[in-house]
C-alpha atoms as a PDB file:
ATOM      1  CA  MET A   1     -42.931  97.558 -84.283  1.00  0.00           C
ATOM      2  CA  ASN A   2     -40.727  98.225 -81.307  1.00  0.00           C
ATOM      3  CA  LEU A   3     -38.978  94.883 -80.940  1.00  0.00           C
ATOM      4  CA  SER A   4     -35.874  94.224 -78.935  1.00  0.00           C
ATOM      5  CA  PRO A   5     -34.150  90.981 -77.900  1.00  0.00           C
ATOM      6  CA  LYS A   6     -34.416  92.296 -74.327  1.00  0.00           C
ATOM      7  CA  THR A   7     -38.185  92.800 -74.515  1.00  0.00           C
ATOM      8  CA  PRO A   8     -39.616  90.155 -76.888  1.00  0.00           C
ATOM      9  CA  VAL A   9     -43.315  90.229 -77.650  1.00  0.00           C
ATOM     10  CA  VAL A  10     -46.209  87.864 -78.210  1.00  0.00           C
ATOM     11  CA  VAL A  11     -48.233  88.645 -81.326  1.00  0.00           C
ATOM     12  CA  GLY A  12     -51.710  87.221 -81.821  1.00  0.00           C
ATOM     13  CA  VAL A  13     -53.106  86.507 -85.287  1.00  0.00           C
ATOM     14  CA  THR A  14     -56.873  86.273 -85.550  1.00  0.00           C
ATOM     15  CA  PRO A  15     -58.141  83.091 -87.261  1.00  0.00           C
ATOM     16  CA  GLY A  16     -60.521  84.761 -89.720  1.00  0.00           C
ATOM     17  CA  ASP A  17     -63.862  83.557 -88.397  1.00  0.00           C
ATOM     18  CA  HIS A  18     -65.231  86.612 -86.593  1.00  0.00           C
ATOM     19  CA  GLY A  19     -68.987  86.840 -87.011  1.00  0.00           C
ATOM     20  CA  THR A  20     -69.292  83.402 -88.586  1.00  0.00           C
ATOM     21  CA  ASN A  21     -68.744  80.843 -85.854  1.00  0.00           C
ATOM     22  CA  ARG A  22     -67.921  83.075 -82.896  1.00  0.00           C
ATOM     23  CA  ASP A  23     -67.278  86.586 -81.605  1.00  0.00           C
ATOM     24  CA  LEU A  24     -63.540  87.152 -81.600  1.00  0.00           C
ATOM     25  CA  VAL A  25     -63.734  90.485 -79.785  1.00  0.00           C
ATOM     26  CA  SER A  26     -64.434  88.893 -76.422  1.00  0.00           C
ATOM     27  CA  LEU A  27     -61.633  86.383 -77.016  1.00  0.00           C
ATOM     28  CA  LEU A  28     -59.219  89.206 -77.839  1.00  0.00           C
ATOM     29  CA  GLU A  29     -60.202  91.032 -74.682  1.00  0.00           C
ATOM     30  CA  GLY A  30     -59.481  87.868 -72.707  1.00  0.00           C
ATOM     31  CA  ALA A  31     -56.095  87.368 -74.410  1.00  0.00           C
ATOM     32  CA  HIS A  32     -55.198  90.990 -73.663  1.00  0.00           C
ATOM     33  CA  LYS A  33     -55.877  90.376 -69.972  1.00  0.00           C
ATOM     34  CA  GLY A  34     -53.411  87.508 -70.236  1.00  0.00           C
ATOM     35  CA  GLY A  35     -50.675  89.828 -71.500  1.00  0.00           C
ATOM     36  CA  LEU A  36     -51.233  89.959 -75.276  1.00  0.00           C
ATOM     37  CA  ASN A  37     -50.427  93.480 -76.526  1.00  0.00           C
ATOM     38  CA  TRP A  38     -49.996  92.891 -80.272  1.00  0.00           C
ATOM     39  CA  ILE A  39     -52.699  91.639 -82.620  1.00  0.00           C
ATOM     40  CA  ILE A  40     -52.772  91.132 -86.391  1.00  0.00           C
ATOM     41  CA  LEU A  41     -56.382  91.520 -87.468  1.00  0.00           C
ATOM     42  CA  ARG A  42     -56.780  88.886 -90.182  1.00  0.00           C
ATOM     43  CA  GLU A  43     -60.472  88.943 -91.118  1.00  0.00           C
ATOM     44  CA  PRO A  44     -60.625  89.299 -94.938  1.00  0.00           C
ATOM     45  CA  HIS A  45     -64.244  88.144 -95.146  1.00  0.00           C
ATOM     46  CA  LEU A  46     -65.619  91.128 -93.217  1.00  0.00           C
ATOM     47  CA  PRO A  47     -67.221  94.019 -95.119  1.00  0.00           C
ATOM     48  CA  THR A  48     -65.045  97.093 -94.827  1.00  0.00           C
ATOM     49  CA  HIS A  49     -67.367  98.950 -92.447  1.00  0.00           C
ATOM     50  CA  LYS A  50     -67.442  95.981 -90.055  1.00  0.00           C
ATOM     51  CA  TYR A  51     -63.683  95.488 -90.301  1.00  0.00           C
ATOM     52  CA  VAL A  52     -63.099  99.166 -89.496  1.00  0.00           C
ATOM     53  CA  ALA A  53     -65.612  99.058 -86.640  1.00  0.00           C
ATOM     54  CA  MET A  54     -63.826  96.056 -85.139  1.00  0.00           C
ATOM     55  CA  ALA A  55     -60.444  97.771 -85.472  1.00  0.00           C
ATOM     56  CA  ARG A  56     -61.759 100.965 -83.891  1.00  0.00           C
ATOM     57  CA  TYR A  57     -63.064  99.006 -80.920  1.00  0.00           C
ATOM     58  CA  LEU A  58     -59.735  97.210 -80.470  1.00  0.00           C
ATOM     59  CA  ALA A  59     -57.509 100.277 -81.001  1.00  0.00           C
ATOM     60  CA  PRO A  60     -57.841 101.630 -77.423  1.00  0.00           C
ATOM     61  CA  ILE A  61     -57.088  98.138 -76.089  1.00  0.00           C
ATOM     62  CA  PHE A  62     -54.010  97.325 -78.187  1.00  0.00           C
ATOM     63  CA  GLY A  63     -52.781 100.830 -79.034  1.00  0.00           C
ATOM     64  CA  ASP A  64     -49.787 100.754 -81.383  1.00  0.00           C
ATOM     65  CA  GLY A  65     -50.005  96.965 -81.298  1.00  0.00           C
ATOM     66  CA  LEU A  66     -53.040  96.897 -83.597  1.00  0.00           C
ATOM     67  CA  ILE A  67     -51.969  95.710 -87.057  1.00  0.00           C
ATOM     68  CA  LEU A  68     -54.247  95.167 -90.052  1.00  0.00           C
ATOM     69  CA  HIS A  69     -53.721  92.200 -92.353  1.00  0.00           C
ATOM     70  CA  GLY A  70     -53.153  92.809 -96.044  1.00  0.00           C
ATOM     71  CA  ARG A  71     -55.507  90.007 -97.040  1.00  0.00           C
ATOM     72  CA  HIS A  72     -58.392  92.390 -96.420  1.00  0.00           C
ATOM     73  CA  PRO A  73     -58.933  94.184 -99.745  1.00  0.00           C
ATOM     74  CA  ASP A  74     -59.033  97.632 -98.132  1.00  0.00           C
ATOM     75  CA  ALA A  75     -56.334  97.102 -95.498  1.00  0.00           C
ATOM     76  CA  VAL A  76     -53.740  99.387 -97.100  1.00  0.00           C
ATOM     77  CA  ALA A  77     -56.172 102.281 -97.502  1.00  0.00           C
ATOM     78  CA  ILE A  78     -57.450 101.831 -93.948  1.00  0.00           C
ATOM     79  CA  ALA A  79     -53.904 101.725 -92.564  1.00  0.00           C
ATOM     80  CA  GLU A  80     -52.959 104.840 -94.529  1.00  0.00           C
ATOM     81  CA  ASN A  81     -55.929 106.801 -93.198  1.00  0.00           C
ATOM     82  CA  SER A  82     -55.796 105.524 -89.611  1.00  0.00           C
ATOM     83  CA  GLY A  83     -52.101 105.247 -88.808  1.00  0.00           C
ATOM     84  CA  TRP A  84     -52.541 101.597 -87.795  1.00  0.00           C
ATOM     85  CA  GLY A  85     -49.976  99.023 -88.786  1.00  0.00           C
ATOM     86  CA  LEU A  86     -50.117  96.607 -91.734  1.00  0.00           C
ATOM     87  CA  HIS A  87     -49.015  92.996 -92.107  1.00  0.00           C
ATOM     88  CA  MET A  88     -48.416  91.857 -95.696  1.00  0.00           C
ATOM     89  CA  PRO A  89     -48.888  88.317 -97.072  1.00  0.00           C
ATOM     90  CA  SER A  90     -45.785  86.580 -98.382  1.00  0.00           C
ATOM     91  CA  HIS A  91     -47.003  86.595-101.991  1.00  0.00           C
ATOM     92  CA  TRP A  92     -46.885  90.395-102.231  1.00  0.00           C
ATOM     93  CA  THR A  93     -44.110  91.557-104.513  1.00  0.00           C
ATOM     94  CA  LYS A  94     -41.263  93.809-103.479  1.00  0.00           C
ATOM     95  CA  GLU A  95     -42.992  96.602-105.415  1.00  0.00           C
ATOM     96  CA  ASN A  96     -46.242  96.007-103.505  1.00  0.00           C
ATOM     97  CA  ALA A  97     -44.342  96.172-100.237  1.00  0.00           C
ATOM     98  CA  ILE A  98     -42.449  99.343-101.188  1.00  0.00           C
ATOM     99  CA  ASP A  99     -45.730 101.009-102.194  1.00  0.00           C
ATOM    100  CA  ALA A 100     -47.224 100.072 -98.829  1.00  0.00           C
ATOM    101  CA  ARG A 101     -44.185 101.450 -96.982  1.00  0.00           C
ATOM    102  CA  ARG A 102     -44.749 104.841 -98.648  1.00  0.00           C
ATOM    103  CA  VAL A 103     -48.198 105.250 -97.102  1.00  0.00           C
ATOM    104  CA  VAL A 104     -48.197 103.124 -93.918  1.00  0.00           C
ATOM    105  CA  THR A 105     -46.889 105.054 -90.917  1.00  0.00           C
ATOM    106  CA  GLY A 106     -47.654 102.322 -88.376  1.00  0.00           C
ATOM    107  CA  PRO A 107     -45.651  99.100 -87.992  1.00  0.00           C
ATOM    108  CA  LEU A 108     -45.145  97.310 -91.319  1.00  0.00           C
ATOM    109  CA  GLY A 109     -44.489  93.588 -91.429  1.00  0.00           C
ATOM    110  CA  MET A 110     -44.581  90.651 -93.816  1.00  0.00           C
ATOM    111  CA  SER A 111     -45.148  86.909 -93.615  1.00  0.00           C
ATOM    112  CA  CYS A 112     -41.954  85.108 -94.640  1.00  0.00           C
ATOM    113  CA  HIS A 113     -41.002  81.459 -95.088  1.00  0.00           C
ATOM    114  CA  SER A 114     -37.452  81.760 -96.424  1.00  0.00           C
ATOM    115  CA  LEU A 115     -34.369  83.962 -96.446  1.00  0.00           C
ATOM    116  CA  LEU A 116     -35.348  85.204 -99.919  1.00  0.00           C
ATOM    117  CA  GLU A 117     -38.673  86.468 -98.608  1.00  0.00           C
ATOM    118  CA  ILE A 118     -36.947  88.087 -95.635  1.00  0.00           C
ATOM    119  CA  ALA A 119     -34.665  89.903 -98.096  1.00  0.00           C
ATOM    120  CA  LYS A 120     -37.739  91.149 -99.965  1.00  0.00           C
ATOM    121  CA  ALA A 121     -39.183  92.534 -96.728  1.00  0.00           C
ATOM    122  CA  SER A 122     -35.851  94.142 -95.891  1.00  0.00           C
ATOM    123  CA  ALA A 123     -35.750  95.877 -99.290  1.00  0.00           C
ATOM    124  CA  ALA A 124     -39.142  97.423 -98.485  1.00  0.00           C
ATOM    125  CA  ASN A 125     -37.843  98.657 -95.117  1.00  0.00           C
ATOM    126  CA  CYS A 126     -40.268  96.548 -93.105  1.00  0.00           C
ATOM    127  CA  ASP A 127     -40.177  96.880 -89.334  1.00  0.00           C
ATOM    128  CA  TYR A 128     -40.412  93.133 -88.695  1.00  0.00           C
ATOM    129  CA  VAL A 129     -41.289  89.815 -90.336  1.00  0.00           C
ATOM    130  CA  THR A 130     -42.954  86.646 -89.152  1.00  0.00           C
ATOM    131  CA  ILE A 131     -41.021  83.506 -90.063  1.00  0.00           C
ATOM    132  CA  SER A 132     -42.924  80.219 -90.337  1.00  0.00           C
ATOM    133  CA  PRO A 133     -43.614  77.442 -89.821  1.00  0.00           C
ATOM    134  CA  ILE A 134     -41.186  76.755 -87.009  1.00  0.00           C
ATOM    135  CA  PHE A 135     -43.217  73.715 -85.930  1.00  0.00           C
ATOM    136  CA  PRO A 136     -46.311  72.130 -87.550  1.00  0.00           C
ATOM    137  CA  PRO A 137     -49.021  74.813 -87.210  1.00  0.00           C
ATOM    138  CA  ASN A 138     -51.862  74.285 -84.737  1.00  0.00           C
ATOM    139  CA  SER A 139     -54.262  76.131 -87.043  1.00  0.00           C
ATOM    140  CA  LYS A 140     -53.237  74.253 -90.231  1.00  0.00           C
ATOM    141  CA  PRO A 141     -53.024  70.525 -89.458  1.00  0.00           C
ATOM    142  CA  ASN A 142     -52.756  69.694 -93.177  1.00  0.00           C
ATOM    143  CA  ASP A 143     -49.919  72.130 -93.877  1.00  0.00           C
ATOM    144  CA  SER A 144     -47.398  70.258 -96.041  1.00  0.00           C
ATOM    145  CA  ARG A 145     -44.540  72.738 -95.679  1.00  0.00           C
ATOM    146  CA  PRO A 146     -41.553  71.271 -93.824  1.00  0.00           C
ATOM    147  CA  PRO A 147     -41.104  73.029 -90.461  1.00  0.00           C
ATOM    148  CA  LEU A 148     -37.959  75.118 -90.112  1.00  0.00           C
ATOM    149  CA  GLY A 149     -37.359  73.978 -86.564  1.00  0.00           C
ATOM    150  CA  ILE A 150     -35.169  75.757 -84.052  1.00  0.00           C
ATOM    151  CA  VAL A 151     -32.031  75.300 -86.182  1.00  0.00           C
ATOM    152  CA  GLY A 152     -33.740  76.955 -89.160  1.00  0.00           C
ATOM    153  CA  LEU A 153     -34.927  79.771 -86.928  1.00  0.00           C
ATOM    154  CA  GLU A 154     -31.404  80.305 -85.597  1.00  0.00           C
ATOM    155  CA  ASP A 155     -30.071  80.519 -89.160  1.00  0.00           C
ATOM    156  CA  ALA A 156     -32.745  83.070 -90.101  1.00  0.00           C
ATOM    157  CA  CYS A 157     -32.066  85.174 -87.001  1.00  0.00           C
ATOM    158  CA  ARG A 158     -28.357  85.287 -87.793  1.00  0.00           C
ATOM    159  CA  SER A 159     -28.997  86.336 -91.408  1.00  0.00           C
ATOM    160  CA  ALA A 160     -31.835  88.827 -90.994  1.00  0.00           C
ATOM    161  CA  GLN A 161     -31.285  92.543 -90.568  1.00  0.00           C
ATOM    162  CA  MET A 162     -34.617  93.091 -88.811  1.00  0.00           C
ATOM    163  CA  PRO A 163     -36.622  91.625 -85.931  1.00  0.00           C
ATOM    164  CA  LEU A 164     -37.993  88.130 -86.590  1.00  0.00           C
ATOM    165  CA  VAL A 165     -41.197  86.843 -85.004  1.00  0.00           C
ATOM    166  CA  ALA A 166     -41.434  83.048 -84.886  1.00  0.00           C
ATOM    167  CA  LEU A 167     -44.771  81.507 -85.921  1.00  0.00           C
ATOM    168  CA  GLY A 168     -46.162  78.010 -86.152  1.00  0.00           C
ATOM    169  CA  GLY A 169     -47.054  75.314 -83.644  1.00  0.00           C
ATOM    170  CA  LEU A 170     -45.955  77.203 -80.546  1.00  0.00           C
ATOM    171  CA  ASP A 171     -46.703  76.564 -76.904  1.00  0.00           C
ATOM    172  CA  ARG A 172     -45.021  77.820 -73.740  1.00  0.00           C
ATOM    173  CA  ASP A 173     -41.945  75.575 -74.011  1.00  0.00           C
ATOM    174  CA  ARG A 174     -41.518  76.124 -77.752  1.00  0.00           C
ATOM    175  CA  ALA A 175     -41.927  79.871 -77.282  1.00  0.00           C
ATOM    176  CA  ARG A 176     -39.114  79.767 -74.756  1.00  0.00           C
ATOM    177  CA  ALA A 177     -36.892  77.908 -77.255  1.00  0.00           C
ATOM    178  CA  CYS A 178     -37.654  80.408 -80.034  1.00  0.00           C
ATOM    179  CA  ILE A 179     -36.616  83.387 -77.905  1.00  0.00           C
ATOM    180  CA  ALA A 180     -33.494  81.585 -76.785  1.00  0.00           C
ATOM    181  CA  ALA A 181     -32.725  80.984 -80.486  1.00  0.00           C
ATOM    182  CA  GLY A 182     -32.739  84.728 -81.165  1.00  0.00           C
ATOM    183  CA  ALA A 183     -36.310  85.568 -82.168  1.00  0.00           C
ATOM    184  CA  SER A 184     -37.551  89.006 -81.136  1.00  0.00           C
ATOM    185  CA  GLY A 185     -41.012  87.622 -80.473  1.00  0.00           C
ATOM    186  CA  ILE A 186     -43.424  84.808 -81.213  1.00  0.00           C
ATOM    187  CA  ALA A 187     -46.771  84.832 -82.990  1.00  0.00           C
ATOM    188  CA  ALA A 188     -49.692  82.476 -82.578  1.00  0.00           C
ATOM    189  CA  MET A 189     -53.121  81.805 -84.016  1.00  0.00           C
ATOM    190  CA  GLY A 190     -54.283  78.313 -83.080  1.00  0.00           C
ATOM    191  CA  ALA A 191     -52.364  78.362 -79.799  1.00  0.00           C
ATOM    192  CA  LEU A 192     -54.266  81.477 -78.737  1.00  0.00           C
ATOM    193  CA  PHE A 193     -57.686  81.071 -80.355  1.00  0.00           C
ATOM    194  CA  PRO A 194     -58.497  77.357 -80.649  1.00  0.00           C
ATOM    195  CA  LYS A 195     -61.974  76.215 -81.603  1.00  0.00           C
ATOM    196  CA  GLY A 196     -64.333  76.317 -78.651  1.00  0.00           C
ATOM    197  CA  ALA A 197     -62.164  78.808 -76.770  1.00  0.00           C
ATOM    198  CA  SER A 198     -63.623  81.117 -74.128  1.00  0.00           C
ATOM    199  CA  PRO A 199     -62.331  84.567 -73.081  1.00  0.00           C
ATOM    200  CA  GLU A 200     -61.015  82.995 -69.885  1.00  0.00           C
ATOM    201  CA  GLY A 201     -59.332  80.247 -71.868  1.00  0.00           C
ATOM    202  CA  CYS A 202     -57.672  82.769 -74.189  1.00  0.00           C
ATOM    203  CA  GLN A 203     -56.465  84.696 -71.151  1.00  0.00           C
ATOM    204  CA  SER A 204     -54.841  81.555 -69.804  1.00  0.00           C
ATOM    205  CA  LEU A 205     -53.279  80.662 -73.172  1.00  0.00           C
ATOM    206  CA  ALA A 206     -51.881  84.179 -73.625  1.00  0.00           C
ATOM    207  CA  ASP A 207     -50.476  84.125 -70.112  1.00  0.00           C
ATOM    208  CA  ALA A 208     -48.697  80.823 -70.806  1.00  0.00           C
ATOM    209  CA  LEU A 209     -47.147  82.096 -74.044  1.00  0.00           C
ATOM    210  CA  CYS A 210     -46.021  85.334 -72.388  1.00  0.00           C
ATOM    211  CA  LYS A 211     -44.393  83.347 -69.595  1.00  0.00           C
ATOM    212  CA  GLY A 212     -42.674  81.153 -72.176  1.00  0.00           C
ATOM    213  CA  VAL A 213     -41.308  84.222 -73.955  1.00  0.00           C
ATOM    214  CA  ARG A 214     -39.981  85.679 -70.703  1.00  0.00           C
ATOM    215  CA  ALA A 215     -38.506  82.311 -69.816  1.00  0.00           C
ATOM    216  CA  GLY A 216     -36.496  82.364 -73.042  1.00  0.00           C
ATOM    217  CA  LEU A 217     -34.539  85.302 -71.642  1.00  0.00           C
ATOM    218  CA  SER A 218     -33.622  83.631 -68.370  1.00  0.00           C
ATOM    219  CA  PRO A 219     -32.836  79.969 -67.600  1.00  0.00           C
ATOM    220  CA  VAL A 220     -33.950  80.510 -63.994  1.00  0.00           C
ATOM    221  CA  PHE A 221     -37.501  81.643 -64.831  1.00  0.00           C
ATOM    222  CA  ASN A 222     -39.808  79.018 -63.333  1.00  0.00           C
ATOM    223  CA  ASN A 223     -43.231  80.665 -62.879  1.00  0.00           C
END
């Protein structure tokens, strides 16, 4: 993942309900119109052929920003054969991550919740990590993990040797604070794809998050 403090990104994470309660493809197209260029495709329930078909449809839209999620049982093999990226769950071992790094040529990332997990990702030569939860997650209202907050994010950014993407409970103002704290990007699931969302709504939500990220770089950004 090409992340730089000067050009932070917004990363979408799909909520895992494509084909059950709604069609996520149209929502992703709307979010892309709003400025979303990175998406982690987290749909472990889909049969492999449907998961691949969805990824193939999205690949021309998101380009190098299309990242598969390791919760799908065939994600590593698909990433190896396609050149798409891979995002690994936090419970994967260092050995799992190193094995994935050997075959994944696209961006490789990992979900992290502590400095120890960030060190594990670093040992596997990951390109980035998500760090969460910064605030109580929109998509997990019953999450009992204590939020790291901005101070915890600042500590992680100072310690990490790779780009950190802040995740959990973000909106425009919180996205701005995360970038100002040193994050190389922010990630969102519930803030981008809430229940009952429309493509136009996702476009508006993505636009707001992108503006928040840009605002984190400049105290005079007011649009």
